[in-house]
Amino acid sequence: MWWIYALLSALFASLTAVFAKVGITGVNSNLATAIRTIIILMVAWGIVLARGEEKGISNLSKQNLLFLIISGLATGLSWVFYFKALQLGKYHKWLRLIN
């Protein structure tokens, strides 16, 4: 079953790149990252709340929290640089078909 999730992850990662490149046209990359982050935050917390999984917060250890915070910082920086690269990269002809 794990491979289905891996394939879905790859599919959505590729769609993310295409949609982000089109969406970032004429937009500051930091603003685009912030908007994207708000959407991700709403989706992630929506899933957690809908499934009643917020109760697990009290079970997190200090190590869990530390490494989740560090991971979050790394993810955030990854997105900042990802969007900057998208903003500076060339706009390919095939993307014009979408736009």
C-alpha atoms as a PDB file:
ATOM      1  CA  MET A   1       0.000   0.000   0.000  1.00  0.00           C
ATOM      2  CA  TRP A   2       2.909   2.364   0.674  1.00  0.00           C
ATOM      3  CA  TRP A   3       3.790   2.501  -3.027  1.00  0.00           C
ATOM      4  CA  ILE A   4       0.361   3.912  -3.878  1.00  0.00           C
ATOM      5  CA  TYR A   5       1.052   6.798  -1.503  1.00  0.00           C
ATOM      6  CA  ALA A   6       4.524   7.208  -3.022  1.00  0.00           C
ATOM      7  CA  LEU A   7       3.047   7.417  -6.531  1.00  0.00           C
ATOM      8  CA  LEU A   8       0.392   9.896  -5.405  1.00  0.00           C
ATOM      9  CA  SER A   9       3.118  11.965  -3.740  1.00  0.00           C
ATOM     10  CA  ALA A  10       5.125  12.029  -6.975  1.00  0.00           C
ATOM     11  CA  LEU A  11       2.046  12.938  -9.007  1.00  0.00           C
ATOM     12  CA  PHE A  12       1.081  15.836  -6.750  1.00  0.00           C
ATOM     13  CA  ALA A  13       4.697  17.020  -6.472  1.00  0.00           C
ATOM     14  CA  SER A  14       4.879  17.279 -10.259  1.00  0.00           C
ATOM     15  CA  LEU A  15       1.548  19.103 -10.414  1.00  0.00           C
ATOM     16  CA  THR A  16       2.786  21.449  -7.698  1.00  0.00           C
ATOM     17  CA  ALA A  17       5.713  22.517  -9.855  1.00  0.00           C
ATOM     18  CA  VAL A  18       3.560  23.153 -12.917  1.00  0.00           C
ATOM     19  CA  PHE A  19       0.813  25.025 -11.073  1.00  0.00           C
ATOM     20  CA  ALA A  20       3.312  27.028  -9.011  1.00  0.00           C
ATOM     21  CA  LYS A  21       5.251  28.154 -12.088  1.00  0.00           C
ATOM     22  CA  VAL A  22       2.076  29.416 -13.719  1.00  0.00           C
ATOM     23  CA  GLY A  23       0.773  30.922 -10.473  1.00  0.00           C
ATOM     24  CA  ILE A  24       3.980  32.772  -9.621  1.00  0.00           C
ATOM     25  CA  THR A  25       4.042  34.739 -12.867  1.00  0.00           C
ATOM     26  CA  GLY A  26       4.257  38.406 -11.894  1.00  0.00           C
ATOM     27  CA  VAL A  27       4.109  37.624  -8.155  1.00  0.00           C
ATOM     28  CA  ASN A  28       6.828  38.082  -5.552  1.00  0.00           C
ATOM     29  CA  SER A  29       8.138  34.630  -4.609  1.00  0.00           C
ATOM     30  CA  ASN A  30       7.924  35.279  -0.843  1.00  0.00           C
ATOM     31  CA  LEU A  31       4.285  36.381  -1.148  1.00  0.00           C
ATOM     32  CA  ALA A  32       3.533  33.287  -3.233  1.00  0.00           C
ATOM     33  CA  THR A  33       5.178  31.077  -0.585  1.00  0.00           C
ATOM     34  CA  ALA A  34       3.121  32.719   2.172  1.00  0.00           C
ATOM     35  CA  ILE A  35      -0.153  32.226   0.264  1.00  0.00           C
ATOM     36  CA  ARG A  36       0.704  28.601  -0.483  1.00  0.00           C
ATOM     37  CA  THR A  37       1.608  28.029   3.163  1.00  0.00           C
ATOM     38  CA  ILE A  38      -1.770  29.340   4.349  1.00  0.00           C
ATOM     39  CA  ILE A  39      -3.552  26.907   2.034  1.00  0.00           C
ATOM     40  CA  ILE A  40      -1.401  23.990   3.213  1.00  0.00           C
ATOM     41  CA  LEU A  41      -2.003  24.981   6.840  1.00  0.00           C
ATOM     42  CA  MET A  42      -5.770  25.022   6.335  1.00  0.00           C
ATOM     43  CA  VAL A  43      -5.790  21.658   4.540  1.00  0.00           C
ATOM     44  CA  ALA A  44      -3.505  19.955   7.093  1.00  0.00           C
ATOM     45  CA  TRP A  45      -5.431  21.225  10.130  1.00  0.00           C
ATOM     46  CA  GLY A  46      -8.739  20.479   8.400  1.00  0.00           C
ATOM     47  CA  ILE A  47      -7.704  16.844   8.036  1.00  0.00           C
ATOM     48  CA  VAL A  48      -6.444  16.643  11.635  1.00  0.00           C
ATOM     49  CA  LEU A  49      -9.609  18.209  13.063  1.00  0.00           C
ATOM     50  CA  ALA A  50     -11.967  16.191  10.845  1.00  0.00           C
ATOM     51  CA  ARG A  51     -10.336  12.964  12.036  1.00  0.00           C
ATOM     52  CA  GLY A  52     -10.147  14.015  15.704  1.00  0.00           C
ATOM     53  CA  GLU A  53      -6.358  13.633  15.701  1.00  0.00           C
ATOM     54  CA  GLU A  54      -5.613  16.896  17.538  1.00  0.00           C
ATOM     55  CA  LYS A  55      -5.787  14.944  20.811  1.00  0.00           C
ATOM     56  CA  GLY A  56      -2.366  13.493  19.981  1.00  0.00           C
ATOM     57  CA  ILE A  57      -0.662  16.838  20.645  1.00  0.00           C
ATOM     58  CA  SER A  58      -0.456  16.064  24.367  1.00  0.00           C
ATOM     59  CA  ASN A  59       1.458  12.848  23.601  1.00  0.00           C
ATOM     60  CA  LEU A  60       4.327  14.610  21.820  1.00  0.00           C
ATOM     61  CA  SER A  61       7.680  14.416  23.568  1.00  0.00           C
ATOM     62  CA  LYS A  62      10.202  17.261  23.684  1.00  0.00           C
ATOM     63  CA  GLN A  63      12.242  15.373  21.087  1.00  0.00           C
ATOM     64  CA  ASN A  64       9.190  15.048  18.829  1.00  0.00           C
ATOM     65  CA  LEU A  65       8.529  18.775  19.103  1.00  0.00           C
ATOM     66  CA  LEU A  66      12.171  19.756  18.586  1.00  0.00           C
ATOM     67  CA  PHE A  67      12.587  17.708  15.438  1.00  0.00           C
ATOM     68  CA  LEU A  68       9.169  18.649  14.052  1.00  0.00           C
ATOM     69  CA  ILE A  69      10.082  22.323  14.544  1.00  0.00           C
ATOM     70  CA  ILE A  70      13.472  21.828  12.869  1.00  0.00           C
ATOM     71  CA  SER A  71      11.791  19.905  10.045  1.00  0.00           C
ATOM     72  CA  GLY A  72       9.241  22.714   9.670  1.00  0.00           C
ATOM     73  CA  LEU A  73      12.017  25.303   9.437  1.00  0.00           C
ATOM     74  CA  ALA A  74      13.818  23.217   6.807  1.00  0.00           C
ATOM     75  CA  THR A  75      10.572  22.792   4.855  1.00  0.00           C
ATOM     76  CA  GLY A  76       9.865  26.515   5.018  1.00  0.00           C
ATOM     77  CA  LEU A  77      13.330  27.410   3.762  1.00  0.00           C
ATOM     78  CA  SER A  78      13.020  24.774   1.047  1.00  0.00           C
ATOM     79  CA  TRP A  79       9.777  26.397  -0.154  1.00  0.00           C
ATOM     80  CA  VAL A  80      11.276  29.897  -0.073  1.00  0.00           C
ATOM     81  CA  PHE A  81      14.168  28.816  -2.282  1.00  0.00           C
ATOM     82  CA  TYR A  82      11.904  26.639  -4.451  1.00  0.00           C
ATOM     83  CA  PHE A  83       9.623  29.561  -5.261  1.00  0.00           C
ATOM     84  CA  LYS A  84      12.584  31.883  -5.828  1.00  0.00           C
ATOM     85  CA  ALA A  85      14.003  29.373  -8.313  1.00  0.00           C
ATOM     86  CA  LEU A  86      10.610  29.132 -10.044  1.00  0.00           C
ATOM     87  CA  GLN A  87      10.373  32.905 -10.203  1.00  0.00           C
ATOM     88  CA  LEU A  88      13.839  33.285 -11.737  1.00  0.00           C
ATOM     89  CA  GLY A  89      13.621  30.267 -14.068  1.00  0.00           C
ATOM     90  CA  LYS A  90      12.622  30.477 -17.697  1.00  0.00           C
ATOM     91  CA  TYR A  91       8.967  30.132 -18.601  1.00  0.00           C
ATOM     92  CA  HIS A  92       8.769  27.166 -20.975  1.00  0.00           C
ATOM     93  CA  LYS A  93       6.598  27.280 -24.076  1.00  0.00           C
ATOM     94  CA  TRP A  94       4.506  24.299 -22.978  1.00  0.00           C
ATOM     95  CA  LEU A  95       3.420  26.159 -19.832  1.00  0.00           C
ATOM     96  CA  ARG A  96       1.890  28.875 -22.022  1.00  0.00           C
ATOM     97  CA  LEU A  97      -0.666  26.298 -23.098  1.00  0.00           C
ATOM     98  CA  ILE A  98      -1.931  26.132 -19.509  1.00  0.00           C
ATOM     99  CA  ASN A  99      -1.879  29.869 -18.928  1.00  0.00           C
END
